[in-house]
Protein backbone atom coordinates (compact mmCIF):
# COMPACT_ATOMS: atom_id res chain seq x y z
CA UNK A 1 -10.48 29.50 18.78
CA UNK A 2 -11.94 32.87 17.25
CA UNK A 3 -12.84 33.35 13.66
CA UNK A 4 -9.54 35.25 13.33
CA UNK A 5 -7.54 32.40 15.02
CA UNK A 6 -6.66 30.44 11.32
CA UNK A 7 -6.57 33.41 9.53
CA UNK A 8 -3.86 35.10 11.48
CA UNK A 9 -2.01 31.96 12.59
CA UNK A 10 -1.82 29.80 8.64
CA UNK A 11 -0.33 32.96 6.61
CA UNK A 12 3.04 33.30 5.83
CA UNK A 13 4.19 36.81 7.55
CA UNK A 14 4.05 37.39 10.92
CA UNK A 15 4.24 33.77 12.32
CA UNK A 16 7.32 33.07 9.92
CA UNK A 17 9.04 36.57 10.75
CA UNK A 18 8.68 36.20 14.51
CA UNK A 19 8.58 32.81 15.04
CA UNK A 20 6.26 31.01 17.64
CA UNK A 21 6.34 34.36 19.85
CA UNK A 22 3.55 35.54 17.87
CA UNK A 23 1.58 32.30 17.94
CA UNK A 24 1.51 32.41 21.83
CA UNK A 25 1.03 36.08 22.46
CA UNK A 26 -2.25 35.78 19.95
CA UNK A 27 -3.66 32.65 21.80
CA UNK A 28 -2.98 33.89 25.47
CA UNK A 29 -5.05 37.15 23.67
CA UNK A 30 -8.26 35.47 22.35
CA UNK A 31 -8.07 31.84 24.69
CA UNK A 32 -6.23 33.54 28.02
CA UNK A 33 -8.12 31.32 31.07
CA UNK A 34 -8.51 28.40 28.44
CA UNK A 35 -6.38 24.96 29.95
CA UNK A 36 -3.48 24.90 28.36
CA UNK A 37 -0.18 22.99 29.59
CA UNK A 38 -0.25 20.35 32.23
CA UNK A 39 3.18 19.41 33.36
CA UNK A 40 4.17 17.47 36.00
CA UNK A 41 4.99 20.44 38.44
CA UNK A 42 2.40 22.93 37.11
CA UNK A 43 -0.68 23.31 34.99
CA UNK A 44 -1.50 26.55 33.04
CA UNK A 45 -3.95 28.12 31.29
CA UNK A 46 -2.82 30.14 27.77
CA UNK A 47 -2.38 33.34 29.83
CA UNK A 48 -0.38 31.89 32.44
CA UNK A 49 1.78 30.04 29.85
CA UNK A 50 2.55 33.84 28.07
CA UNK A 51 3.25 35.36 31.65
CA UNK A 52 5.73 32.64 32.33
CA UNK A 53 7.45 33.31 29.37
CA UNK A 54 7.36 36.62 29.95
CA UNK A 55 9.02 36.40 33.17
CA UNK A 56 11.76 33.96 32.22
CA UNK A 57 12.40 36.27 29.94
CA UNK A 58 12.78 39.38 31.99
CA UNK A 59 15.04 36.92 34.25
CA UNK A 60 17.61 35.83 31.46
CA UNK A 61 17.36 39.28 29.83
CA UNK A 62 18.68 40.24 33.47
CA UNK A 63 22.03 37.87 32.66
CA UNK A 64 22.74 39.31 29.36
CA UNK A 65 20.75 36.82 27.41
CA UNK A 66 19.74 38.60 23.97
CA UNK A 67 18.80 37.81 20.51
CA UNK A 68 21.22 35.04 19.07
CA UNK A 69 22.22 33.78 22.00
CA UNK A 70 22.23 29.96 22.77
CA UNK A 71 20.04 29.40 26.36
CA UNK A 72 21.05 25.39 27.31
CA UNK A 73 18.51 24.14 29.39
CA UNK A 74 19.41 20.53 31.43
CA UNK A 75 15.82 19.86 32.96
CA UNK A 76 13.76 16.71 33.01
CA UNK A 77 10.23 17.00 31.59
CA UNK A 78 8.82 20.63 33.86
CA UNK A 79 7.97 24.13 34.13
CA UNK A 80 11.78 25.15 33.61
CA UNK A 81 12.50 23.45 30.69
CA UNK A 82 9.13 24.75 28.95
CA UNK A 83 9.45 28.12 30.55
CA UNK A 84 13.38 28.04 29.00
CA UNK A 85 12.56 27.15 25.57
CA UNK A 86 9.07 30.31 25.38
CA UNK A 87 11.45 33.06 26.86
CA UNK A 88 13.63 31.96 24.24
CA UNK A 89 11.29 32.38 21.66
CA UNK A 90 10.00 35.68 23.50
CA UNK A 91 14.04 37.12 22.94
CA UNK A 92 14.79 35.75 19.92
CA UNK A 93 17.69 33.54 21.52
CA UNK A 94 18.47 29.82 20.37
CA UNK A 95 16.52 27.55 22.75
CA UNK A 96 19.11 24.52 23.20
CA UNK A 97 17.61 21.32 24.97
CA UNK A 98 19.98 18.98 26.94
CA UNK A 99 18.99 15.19 26.78
CA UNK A 100 18.75 14.89 30.77
CA UNK A 101 20.14 11.79 30.71
CA UNK A 102 23.46 12.98 29.37
CA UNK A 103 26.16 12.64 31.61
CA UNK A 104 30.03 12.72 31.65
CA UNK A 105 31.81 13.68 28.41
CA UNK A 106 28.86 13.47 25.93
CA UNK A 107 27.10 16.06 28.03
CA UNK A 108 30.46 18.40 28.06
CA UNK A 109 31.01 17.71 24.27
CA UNK A 110 27.46 18.97 22.91
CA UNK A 111 27.31 21.62 25.51
CA UNK A 112 30.77 23.16 24.51
CA UNK A 113 30.38 22.43 20.82
CA UNK A 114 26.82 24.43 21.18
CA UNK A 115 28.50 27.27 22.89
CA UNK A 116 25.69 28.92 24.88
CA UNK A 117 26.60 31.28 27.79
CA UNK A 118 24.08 30.63 30.36
CA UNK A 119 22.28 26.72 31.06
CA UNK A 120 19.13 26.32 33.32
CA UNK A 121 19.69 23.11 35.19
CA UNK A 122 17.54 20.77 37.84
CA UNK A 123 18.88 20.22 40.82
CA UNK A 124 19.06 16.76 40.65
CA UNK A 125 21.08 16.91 37.18
CA UNK A 126 23.46 19.41 38.20
CA UNK A 127 26.04 17.34 39.67
CA UNK A 128 26.59 15.66 36.67
CA UNK A 129 26.88 19.41 34.79
CA UNK A 130 29.24 20.63 38.26
CA UNK A 131 31.43 17.77 36.88
CA UNK A 132 32.06 19.08 33.58
CA UNK A 133 31.65 22.84 34.10
CA UNK A 134 35.48 23.37 34.31
CA UNK A 135 35.17 22.35 30.33
CA UNK A 136 32.64 24.56 29.50
CA UNK A 137 34.68 28.04 29.46
CA UNK A 138 32.14 29.92 27.66
CA UNK A 139 29.58 28.82 30.38
CA UNK A 140 29.11 32.33 32.49
CA UNK A 141 25.56 31.13 34.45
CA UNK A 142 24.09 28.55 35.60
CA UNK A 143 20.31 28.76 36.95
CA UNK A 144 19.61 25.63 39.09
CA UNK A 145 16.04 24.72 39.72
CA UNK A 146 14.83 23.42 43.64
CA UNK A 147 17.37 22.25 45.94
CA UNK A 148 19.53 23.87 48.18
CA UNK A 149 21.50 27.43 46.69
CA UNK A 150 24.58 26.07 45.12
CA UNK A 151 27.79 28.80 44.96
CA UNK A 152 28.36 30.16 41.70
CA UNK A 153 24.70 30.03 40.35
CA UNK A 154 21.39 31.23 40.38
CA UNK A 155 18.36 30.33 41.57
CA UNK A 156 15.55 29.80 39.32
CA UNK A 157 12.93 30.85 41.82
CA UNK A 158 14.17 33.98 42.62
CA UNK A 159 14.82 34.89 39.24
CA UNK A 160 11.40 33.81 38.25
CA UNK A 161 9.44 35.42 41.27
CA UNK A 162 11.53 38.88 40.90
CA UNK A 163 10.85 39.11 37.12
CA UNK A 164 8.36 41.36 35.43
CA UNK A 165 5.61 39.97 33.93
CA UNK A 166 5.60 42.71 31.03
CA UNK A 167 6.40 41.23 27.86
CA UNK A 168 10.28 42.05 26.58
CA UNK A 169 10.63 44.42 23.64
CA UNK A 170 8.94 43.48 20.38
CA UNK A 171 11.55 41.31 18.07
CA UNK A 172 12.43 42.79 14.38
CA UNK A 173 10.55 40.69 12.10
CA UNK A 174 13.28 38.55 10.62
CA UNK A 175 12.17 34.37 9.10
CA UNK A 176 15.79 33.50 8.57
CA UNK A 177 17.25 34.20 12.80
CA UNK A 178 18.17 31.35 14.32
CA UNK A 179 15.56 29.78 16.88
CA UNK A 180 16.64 26.46 18.26
CA UNK A 181 19.67 24.29 18.13
CA UNK A 182 19.14 20.16 18.30
CA UNK A 183 21.24 17.55 19.23
CA UNK A 184 20.86 14.47 16.85
CA UNK A 185 21.07 10.79 19.24
CA UNK A 186 24.11 9.86 17.93
CA UNK A 187 23.11 6.42 16.58
CA UNK A 188 25.70 6.87 13.75
CA UNK A 189 28.25 8.89 15.25
CA UNK A 190 29.07 11.72 17.49
CA UNK A 191 25.76 13.88 18.22
CA UNK A 192 25.33 16.79 15.70
CA UNK A 193 23.68 20.46 16.36
CA UNK A 194 21.02 20.94 13.73
CA UNK A 195 20.28 24.70 13.94
CA UNK A 196 16.49 26.04 12.59
CA UNK A 197 15.59 29.19 11.76
CA UNK A 198 12.68 30.83 13.69
CA UNK A 199 10.35 30.00 10.45
CA UNK A 200 11.33 26.89 10.57
CA UNK A 201 10.22 26.16 13.94
CA UNK A 202 6.84 28.14 13.36
CA UNK A 203 6.39 26.35 10.29
CA UNK A 204 7.03 23.21 11.78
CA UNK A 205 4.50 23.78 15.02
CA UNK A 206 1.40 24.76 12.75
CA UNK A 207 2.26 22.11 10.22
CA UNK A 208 2.45 19.38 13.42
CA UNK A 209 -1.16 20.71 14.26
CA UNK A 210 -2.63 20.17 11.03
CA UNK A 211 -0.88 17.10 9.51
CA UNK A 212 -0.38 15.07 12.71
CA UNK A 213 -2.30 15.76 15.78
CA UNK A 214 -5.51 17.66 14.18
CA UNK A 215 -7.25 18.54 17.46
CA UNK A 216 -10.86 20.70 17.38
CA UNK A 217 -10.30 23.59 19.75
CA UNK A 218 -10.76 22.66 23.29
CA UNK A 219 -9.55 18.80 22.62
CA UNK A 220 -6.65 17.56 24.72
CA UNK A 221 -3.61 15.88 23.66
CA UNK A 222 -1.24 13.00 26.08
CA UNK A 223 2.48 12.48 25.77
CA UNK A 224 5.05 10.58 28.23
CA UNK A 225 7.97 11.29 25.69
CA UNK A 226 11.16 13.73 26.70
CA UNK A 227 10.52 17.56 26.16
CA UNK A 228 14.39 17.44 24.89
CA UNK A 229 13.36 15.87 22.10
CA UNK A 230 10.73 16.88 18.94
CA UNK A 231 8.25 14.66 19.27
CA UNK A 232 7.02 16.17 22.50
CA UNK A 233 7.84 19.66 21.56
CA UNK A 234 5.93 18.82 18.14
CA UNK A 235 3.05 17.65 20.06
CA UNK A 236 2.93 21.09 22.71
CA UNK A 237 3.14 23.26 19.45
CA UNK A 238 0.39 21.15 17.97
CA UNK A 239 -1.96 22.00 20.82
CA UNK A 240 -1.17 25.85 21.03
CA UNK A 241 -1.94 25.90 17.33
CA UNK A 242 -5.12 24.40 17.11
CA UNK A 243 -5.96 25.96 20.39
CA UNK A 244 -6.42 22.69 22.93
CA UNK A 245 -4.26 21.52 25.60
CA UNK A 246 -1.97 19.24 26.32
CA UNK A 247 -0.72 16.86 29.18
CA UNK A 248 3.15 16.16 29.25
CA UNK A 249 4.18 13.53 31.92
CA UNK A 250 7.19 12.95 33.62
CA UNK A 251 7.78 9.23 31.56
CA UNK A 252 5.87 6.65 30.51
CA UNK A 253 4.06 4.17 32.83
CA UNK A 254 2.60 1.04 31.19
CA UNK A 255 0.49 0.54 34.75
CA UNK A 256 -1.02 4.03 34.64
CA UNK A 257 -1.13 4.95 30.99
CA UNK A 258 -4.62 4.54 30.16
CA UNK A 259 -5.62 6.12 33.35
CA UNK A 260 -3.47 8.79 32.95
CA UNK A 261 -4.99 9.91 29.59
CA UNK A 262 -8.57 9.20 30.49
CA UNK A 263 -7.65 11.90 33.39
CA UNK A 264 -6.27 14.06 30.86
CA UNK A 265 -9.21 13.53 28.57
CA UNK A 266 -7.08 12.75 25.67
CA UNK A 267 -8.18 11.98 22.13
CA UNK A 268 -4.77 11.50 21.29
CA UNK A 269 -1.21 10.67 22.07
CA UNK A 270 2.33 10.35 20.84
CA UNK A 271 4.45 7.70 21.04
CA UNK A 272 7.95 5.51 20.26
CA UNK A 273 7.35 2.22 18.94
CA UNK A 274 8.22 0.86 22.21
CA UNK A 275 5.63 2.31 23.85
CA UNK A 276 3.24 0.23 21.63
CA UNK A 277 5.17 -2.92 21.92
CA UNK A 278 5.03 -2.70 25.57
CA UNK A 279 1.15 -1.82 25.63
CA UNK A 280 0.57 -4.73 23.54
CA UNK A 281 2.29 -6.93 25.98
CA UNK A 282 0.06 -6.22 28.89
CA UNK A 283 -2.94 -8.92 29.50
CA UNK A 284 -6.51 -7.78 27.79
CA UNK A 285 -8.89 -6.08 29.86
CA UNK A 286 -12.77 -5.73 29.23
CA UNK A 287 -12.68 -2.23 29.08
CA UNK A 288 -9.48 -2.09 26.67
CA UNK A 289 -11.49 0.04 24.20
CA UNK A 290 -13.53 2.07 26.48
CA UNK A 291 -11.22 5.75 25.98
CA UNK A 292 -11.61 8.82 23.93
CA UNK A 293 -8.35 8.20 22.29
CA UNK A 294 -9.33 8.13 18.26
CA UNK A 295 -5.37 8.46 17.41
CA UNK A 296 -1.99 7.23 18.12
CA UNK A 297 0.78 9.24 16.36
CA UNK A 298 4.99 8.26 16.31
CA UNK A 299 7.24 6.26 14.57
CA UNK A 300 8.38 2.53 14.75
CA UNK A 301 5.06 1.31 14.96
CA UNK A 302 6.04 -2.68 15.42
CA UNK A 303 3.98 -4.12 11.80
CA UNK A 304 3.40 -7.22 13.48
CA UNK A 305 1.58 -5.48 17.07
CA UNK A 306 -0.30 -2.52 14.59
CA UNK A 307 -3.16 -4.41 13.82
CA UNK A 308 -4.00 -5.91 16.91
CA UNK A 309 -3.44 -2.94 18.74
CA UNK A 310 -5.96 -0.88 16.58
CA UNK A 311 -8.41 -3.19 17.38
CA UNK A 312 -7.76 -3.73 20.97
CA UNK A 313 -8.08 -0.19 22.15
CA UNK A 314 -10.26 1.19 19.07
CA UNK A 315 -7.91 3.78 17.79
CA UNK A 316 -5.90 4.44 14.61
CA UNK A 317 -2.10 3.96 14.47
CA UNK A 318 -0.37 6.91 12.30
CA UNK A 319 3.43 5.89 11.65
CA UNK A 320 4.75 8.58 10.26
CA UNK A 321 8.70 9.72 9.67
CA UNK A 322 10.89 12.55 9.80
CA UNK A 323 14.33 13.62 11.47
CA UNK A 324 15.40 16.59 13.54
CA UNK A 325 16.99 17.79 10.59
CA UNK A 326 14.04 17.55 8.44
CA UNK A 327 11.61 19.69 10.23
CA UNK A 328 8.04 19.95 9.03
CA UNK A 329 9.34 17.91 5.84
CA UNK A 330 8.14 14.25 6.56
CA UNK A 331 6.13 11.47 5.74
CA UNK A 332 2.76 10.66 6.72
CA UNK A 333 -0.39 9.06 5.95
CA UNK A 334 -3.05 10.53 3.61
CA UNK A 335 -5.81 8.44 4.92
CA UNK A 336 -6.84 6.51 7.43
CA UNK A 337 -6.82 3.25 8.20
CA UNK A 338 -3.11 3.31 7.25
CA UNK A 339 -1.46 0.01 6.01
CA UNK A 340 0.74 -1.90 8.71
CA UNK A 341 4.62 -1.28 7.98
CA UNK A 342 4.10 1.89 5.97
CA UNK A 343 4.92 5.06 7.06
CA UNK A 344 2.86 7.47 4.53
CA UNK A 345 4.03 9.86 1.31
CA UNK A 346 5.65 12.81 1.30
CA UNK A 347 4.68 16.14 2.71
CA UNK A 348 3.61 18.76 0.47
CA UNK A 349 6.73 20.82 1.75
CA UNK A 350 9.63 19.17 -0.58
CA UNK A 351 10.25 17.39 -3.52
CA UNK A 352 11.65 13.37 -2.53
CA UNK A 353 13.72 10.79 -4.63
CA UNK A 354 14.47 6.97 -3.80
CA UNK A 355 18.31 7.02 -5.14
CA UNK A 356 19.93 3.91 -5.29
CA UNK A 357 23.96 3.87 -4.94
CA UNK A 358 24.61 4.54 -8.34
CA UNK A 359 22.53 8.18 -7.90
CA UNK A 360 19.71 6.45 -9.89
CA UNK A 361 16.09 6.22 -9.39
CA UNK A 362 14.80 3.11 -8.04
CA UNK A 363 12.10 1.54 -8.96
CA UNK A 364 8.98 0.49 -6.88
CA UNK A 365 10.06 -2.35 -4.32
CA UNK A 366 13.67 -1.18 -4.35
CA UNK A 367 15.25 -0.04 -1.15
CA UNK A 368 17.09 2.93 -1.89
CA UNK A 369 18.25 6.44 -0.01
CA UNK A 370 15.46 9.26 0.64
CA UNK A 371 16.49 12.33 -0.49
CA UNK A 372 14.84 15.71 -0.12
CA UNK A 373 14.73 19.03 -1.76
CA UNK A 374 12.54 21.59 0.25
CA UNK A 375 10.01 23.65 -2.07
CA UNK A 376 10.69 27.01 -0.14
CA UNK A 377 12.99 28.35 2.63
CA UNK A 378 12.44 27.77 6.44
CA UNK A 379 10.63 24.19 6.09
CA UNK A 380 13.52 22.40 6.78
CA UNK A 381 17.16 22.79 8.97
CA UNK A 382 19.70 25.46 8.22
CA UNK A 383 22.78 22.98 8.54
CA UNK A 384 24.95 21.59 11.27
CA UNK A 385 26.81 23.33 13.82
CA UNK A 386 30.73 23.40 12.95
CA UNK A 387 33.30 23.43 15.59
CA UNK A 388 33.84 26.94 14.67
CA UNK A 389 29.99 27.96 15.57
CA UNK A 390 29.89 28.13 11.56
CA UNK A 391 26.44 26.60 9.93
CA UNK A 392 27.17 24.22 7.48
CA UNK A 393 24.39 23.77 4.85
CA UNK A 394 23.20 20.33 4.45
CA UNK A 395 22.48 19.86 0.55
CA UNK A 396 24.24 19.32 -2.68
CA UNK A 397 24.75 21.34 -5.70
CA UNK A 398 21.16 20.65 -6.84
CA UNK A 399 19.68 21.18 -3.72
CA UNK A 400 18.82 17.71 -2.19
CA UNK A 401 19.44 16.94 1.35
CA UNK A 402 20.72 13.25 1.53
CA UNK A 403 19.09 11.54 4.57
CA UNK A 404 20.58 8.50 4.92
CA UNK A 405 17.53 6.61 5.58
CA UNK A 406 16.33 4.15 3.12
CA UNK A 407 12.89 3.45 2.33
CA UNK A 408 10.85 1.12 -0.21
CA UNK A 409 7.90 2.75 -2.16
CA UNK A 410 5.31 0.25 -2.67
CA UNK A 411 3.26 0.73 -6.41
CA UNK A 412 0.11 2.28 -4.70
CA UNK A 413 3.00 4.87 -3.57
CA UNK A 414 3.16 4.28 -0.15
CA UNK A 415 6.84 4.04 1.81
CA UNK A 416 7.94 1.94 4.19
CA UNK A 417 11.32 2.44 6.45
CA UNK A 418 14.05 0.22 5.94
CA UNK A 419 16.95 1.16 7.76
CA UNK A 420 19.61 3.91 8.32
CA UNK A 421 22.92 4.33 5.65
CA UNK A 422 24.87 2.39 8.39
CA UNK A 423 21.26 -0.46 8.88
CA UNK A 424 21.85 -0.69 4.99
CA UNK A 425 24.24 -3.69 4.29
CA UNK A 426 25.63 -4.30 0.65
CA UNK A 427 26.19 -8.08 0.47
CA UNK A 428 26.98 -9.80 -2.97
CA UNK A 429 25.79 -6.92 -4.72
CA UNK A 430 22.38 -6.89 -3.18
CA UNK A 431 20.96 -3.71 -0.82
CA UNK A 432 20.13 -5.52 2.56
CA UNK A 433 17.50 -3.81 5.07
CA UNK A 434 19.12 -4.61 8.00
CA UNK A 435 15.59 -4.69 9.93
CA UNK A 436 14.41 -7.36 7.94
CA UNK A 437 16.84 -9.31 9.93
CA UNK A 438 16.65 -8.27 12.75
CA UNK A 439 12.88 -9.08 12.57
CA UNK A 440 13.17 -12.58 11.71
CA UNK A 441 15.83 -12.83 14.46
CA UNK A 442 13.61 -11.52 16.86
CA UNK A 443 10.73 -14.13 16.47
CA UNK A 444 13.53 -16.64 17.88
CA UNK A 445 12.04 -17.27 21.54
CA UNK A 446 15.48 -16.82 23.03
CA UNK A 447 16.32 -13.84 21.70
CA UNK A 448 15.66 -10.19 23.34
CA UNK A 449 17.47 -8.01 21.50
CA UNK A 450 19.27 -7.95 17.75
CA UNK A 451 21.32 -5.36 15.94
CA UNK A 452 22.38 -6.37 12.25
CA UNK A 453 25.11 -4.23 11.01
CA UNK A 454 27.83 -4.67 7.67
CA UNK A 455 31.24 -5.45 8.48
CA UNK A 456 34.51 -5.78 5.93
CA UNK A 457 34.16 -8.86 3.31
CA UNK A 458 37.40 -10.86 3.33
CA UNK A 459 39.05 -7.86 4.94
CA UNK A 460 37.96 -5.03 2.21
CA UNK A 461 36.94 -1.76 3.57
CA UNK A 462 33.82 -0.59 3.94
CA UNK A 463 33.61 2.56 2.14
CA UNK A 464 33.15 2.70 -1.49
CA UNK A 465 30.48 0.43 -1.73
CA UNK A 466 32.50 -2.54 -1.38
CA UNK A 467 30.82 -5.97 -0.75
CA UNK A 468 30.12 -6.95 3.12
CA UNK A 469 29.19 -9.52 5.12
CA UNK A 470 26.23 -9.62 8.10
CA UNK A 471 27.41 -9.36 11.55
CA UNK A 472 24.03 -10.39 13.65
CA UNK A 473 24.67 -8.90 17.39
CA UNK A 474 22.37 -10.66 19.77
CA UNK A 475 21.12 -10.41 23.27
CA UNK A 476 19.34 -13.52 24.70
CA UNK A 477 16.59 -13.43 27.13
CA UNK A 478 17.57 -14.02 30.87
CA UNK A 479 18.44 -17.45 31.71
CA UNK A 480 18.36 -18.58 28.13
CA UNK A 481 21.88 -20.33 26.51
CA UNK A 482 21.73 -19.44 22.69
CA UNK A 483 23.26 -21.81 20.74
CA UNK A 484 24.86 -19.78 17.69
CA UNK A 485 24.17 -22.85 15.36
CA UNK A 486 20.68 -23.39 16.10
CA UNK A 487 19.64 -19.56 15.66
CA UNK A 488 21.57 -20.02 12.40
CA UNK A 489 19.23 -22.42 11.41
CA UNK A 490 16.45 -20.73 12.88
CA UNK A 491 17.15 -17.70 10.34
CA UNK A 492 18.06 -19.89 7.45
CA UNK A 493 14.25 -21.22 7.53
CA UNK A 494 13.28 -17.52 7.25
CA UNK A 495 15.35 -15.53 5.52
CA UNK A 496 16.62 -15.56 1.85
CA UNK A 497 20.42 -16.89 1.65
CA UNK A 498 21.98 -14.02 0.69
CA UNK A 499 20.58 -12.27 3.92
CA UNK A 500 21.54 -15.24 6.80
CA UNK A 501 24.21 -13.42 8.63
CA UNK A 502 27.96 -14.96 8.65
CA UNK A 503 28.60 -14.05 12.16
CA UNK A 504 27.03 -13.91 15.19
CA UNK A 505 27.63 -11.64 18.24
CA UNK A 506 26.04 -13.47 21.57
CA UNK A 507 26.67 -10.52 23.85
CA UNK A 508 25.26 -9.02 26.89
CA UNK A 509 24.08 -5.98 26.10
CA UNK A 510 24.09 -3.42 23.07
CA UNK A 511 25.84 -0.26 23.21
CA UNK A 512 22.97 2.50 22.87
CA UNK A 513 22.64 6.37 23.02
CA UNK A 514 21.40 7.82 26.39
CA UNK A 515 18.05 7.98 24.39
CA UNK A 516 18.16 4.40 23.83
CA UNK A 517 19.26 4.18 20.27
CA UNK A 518 21.57 0.84 19.53
CA UNK A 519 24.81 2.74 18.19
CA UNK A 520 25.31 0.57 15.22
CA UNK A 521 28.49 2.01 14.13
CA UNK A 522 30.84 0.85 17.40
CA UNK A 523 29.00 -2.06 16.70
CA UNK A 524 30.60 -2.48 13.12
CA UNK A 525 33.80 -0.82 13.93
CA UNK A 526 34.34 -3.67 16.82
CA UNK A 527 34.91 -6.32 13.85
CA UNK A 528 34.56 -9.96 14.02
CA UNK A 529 37.41 -10.94 16.56
CA UNK A 530 35.90 -13.63 19.21
CA UNK A 531 32.43 -13.89 17.40
CA UNK A 532 30.92 -17.01 16.36
CA UNK A 533 31.43 -17.75 12.39
CA UNK A 534 29.31 -19.83 10.09
CA UNK A 535 32.12 -20.84 7.49
CA UNK A 536 33.00 -24.44 8.22
CA UNK A 537 36.46 -24.68 10.02
CA UNK A 538 35.68 -21.11 11.36
CA UNK A 539 33.47 -21.53 14.59
CA UNK A 540 33.98 -19.87 17.59
CA UNK A 541 31.69 -19.79 20.19
CA UNK A 542 31.64 -17.14 23.34
CA UNK A 543 30.26 -13.40 24.20
CA UNK A 544 31.77 -10.78 22.03
CA UNK A 545 33.84 -7.80 23.04
CA UNK A 546 32.59 -5.80 25.54
CA UNK A 547 30.84 -2.98 24.42
CA UNK A 548 33.05 0.52 24.87
CA UNK A 549 32.43 3.42 27.00
CA UNK A 550 29.42 5.08 26.30
CA UNK A 551 30.23 8.76 24.15
CA UNK A 552 33.50 6.95 22.54
CA UNK A 553 34.21 8.67 19.30
CA UNK A 554 33.63 7.28 15.91
CA UNK A 555 37.07 7.16 14.32
CA UNK A 556 35.44 7.26 11.01
CA UNK A 557 32.91 10.06 11.09
């Protein structure tokens, strides 16, 4: 990067006011022929990425897209999604990535709620979109990528090839202008649309590079996560801000993972916890530590895998916490190596509190909900989009955002994640982290997957802080016939008495979102009918109820 680069990109002026467009154009002018972005379908230099953004912006503008318009992208990892995202930056439009796994009513619901008038869609995903298109009255244009031309749609190839490579007109400086609409995963209910401002996205991208993936100029990152989600997008912007390159894979392949990292010449990669678990289970090889990677950054690193993973592969695991809503307000370690099981400390962009269920401050080692208050505008999302298209601010009367996530603070200030609001179970006056129960259950050799939830105690309502009982939902390993009584005795030997589940729900699978997160609200709603009860005289065996169809609305949200 040129000597002027860091100063231009680290100020609070043009980047926040003009958004990531200013960063892309600056880097294209400064680093033009340097490799920037390797996708499954194309490899782009900085200059080529900027030209792609200009061409797509020109084509979308010809279909009526302008500042503030929502442009939806129903695509897998590839140039159409990146091109649409960068084009939105150029036009001042609102980028809304749609999870490529969505179909049916969940797909229709988020697209209808977003209210976009145009959608870019991969050809292999278009049949799913076509099935729900009648339920999207505001959708005027669909641009299909690849495949045979479909009547009533536009061709991506034609749109891009005929478009001008010149940049669109300059944007009016406005840090508060909307830039992105991201839908939460639906772990605790119906997905919600979180809107980011132009300043929010620009600040987030710069901080991703400075805090989480601090590449040196010319170094490379690798990511195999979906581009429709913030971790992969942040990885791209980290490379952009730092003058590095990034390889985005179509998906995670445990067999070719380290080979592809070597081909990308990557010194860092992004992860979710399951990636580390799968890689750790592969048989050790003599050359496991023979790689250039010095940092693996993500969230949900399993504490039991963490130390051996670092030693085996010769790198540092960096485990952080953040939400779609919190943008650049995350936790991260202040120094490495990081203590396994921790998520670091709050970044300097927000004030933080750990609050108990009475609103009081938590002491060290107590479980409390994280409350956040941004120290300046534009570092967190604006709010949730309501059904009328208005943005509802998320802050209480004192400016605090209640995350719904529970944490513990160690005496040295390091935080550890203890579960989400619906994960936290209040039993006999104690706040129990569901993750503690799940970790104990997963140590049983016959258990494949688990989820612990709170259910009403003796018919009391769950809401309002009433006492709860613990229901542990369990999926056994293939060909294992789990005995619930034996499993509970296993847990009794590993958990405090108040944390041992009363109910064990043996079931063939757990209901999940399209991003494979367990929908615990559904498990709680199903109650205890037909599940094994540990109380004498009430023991019942057999599988629990079948999971409800994906996308059923929570009646309590």
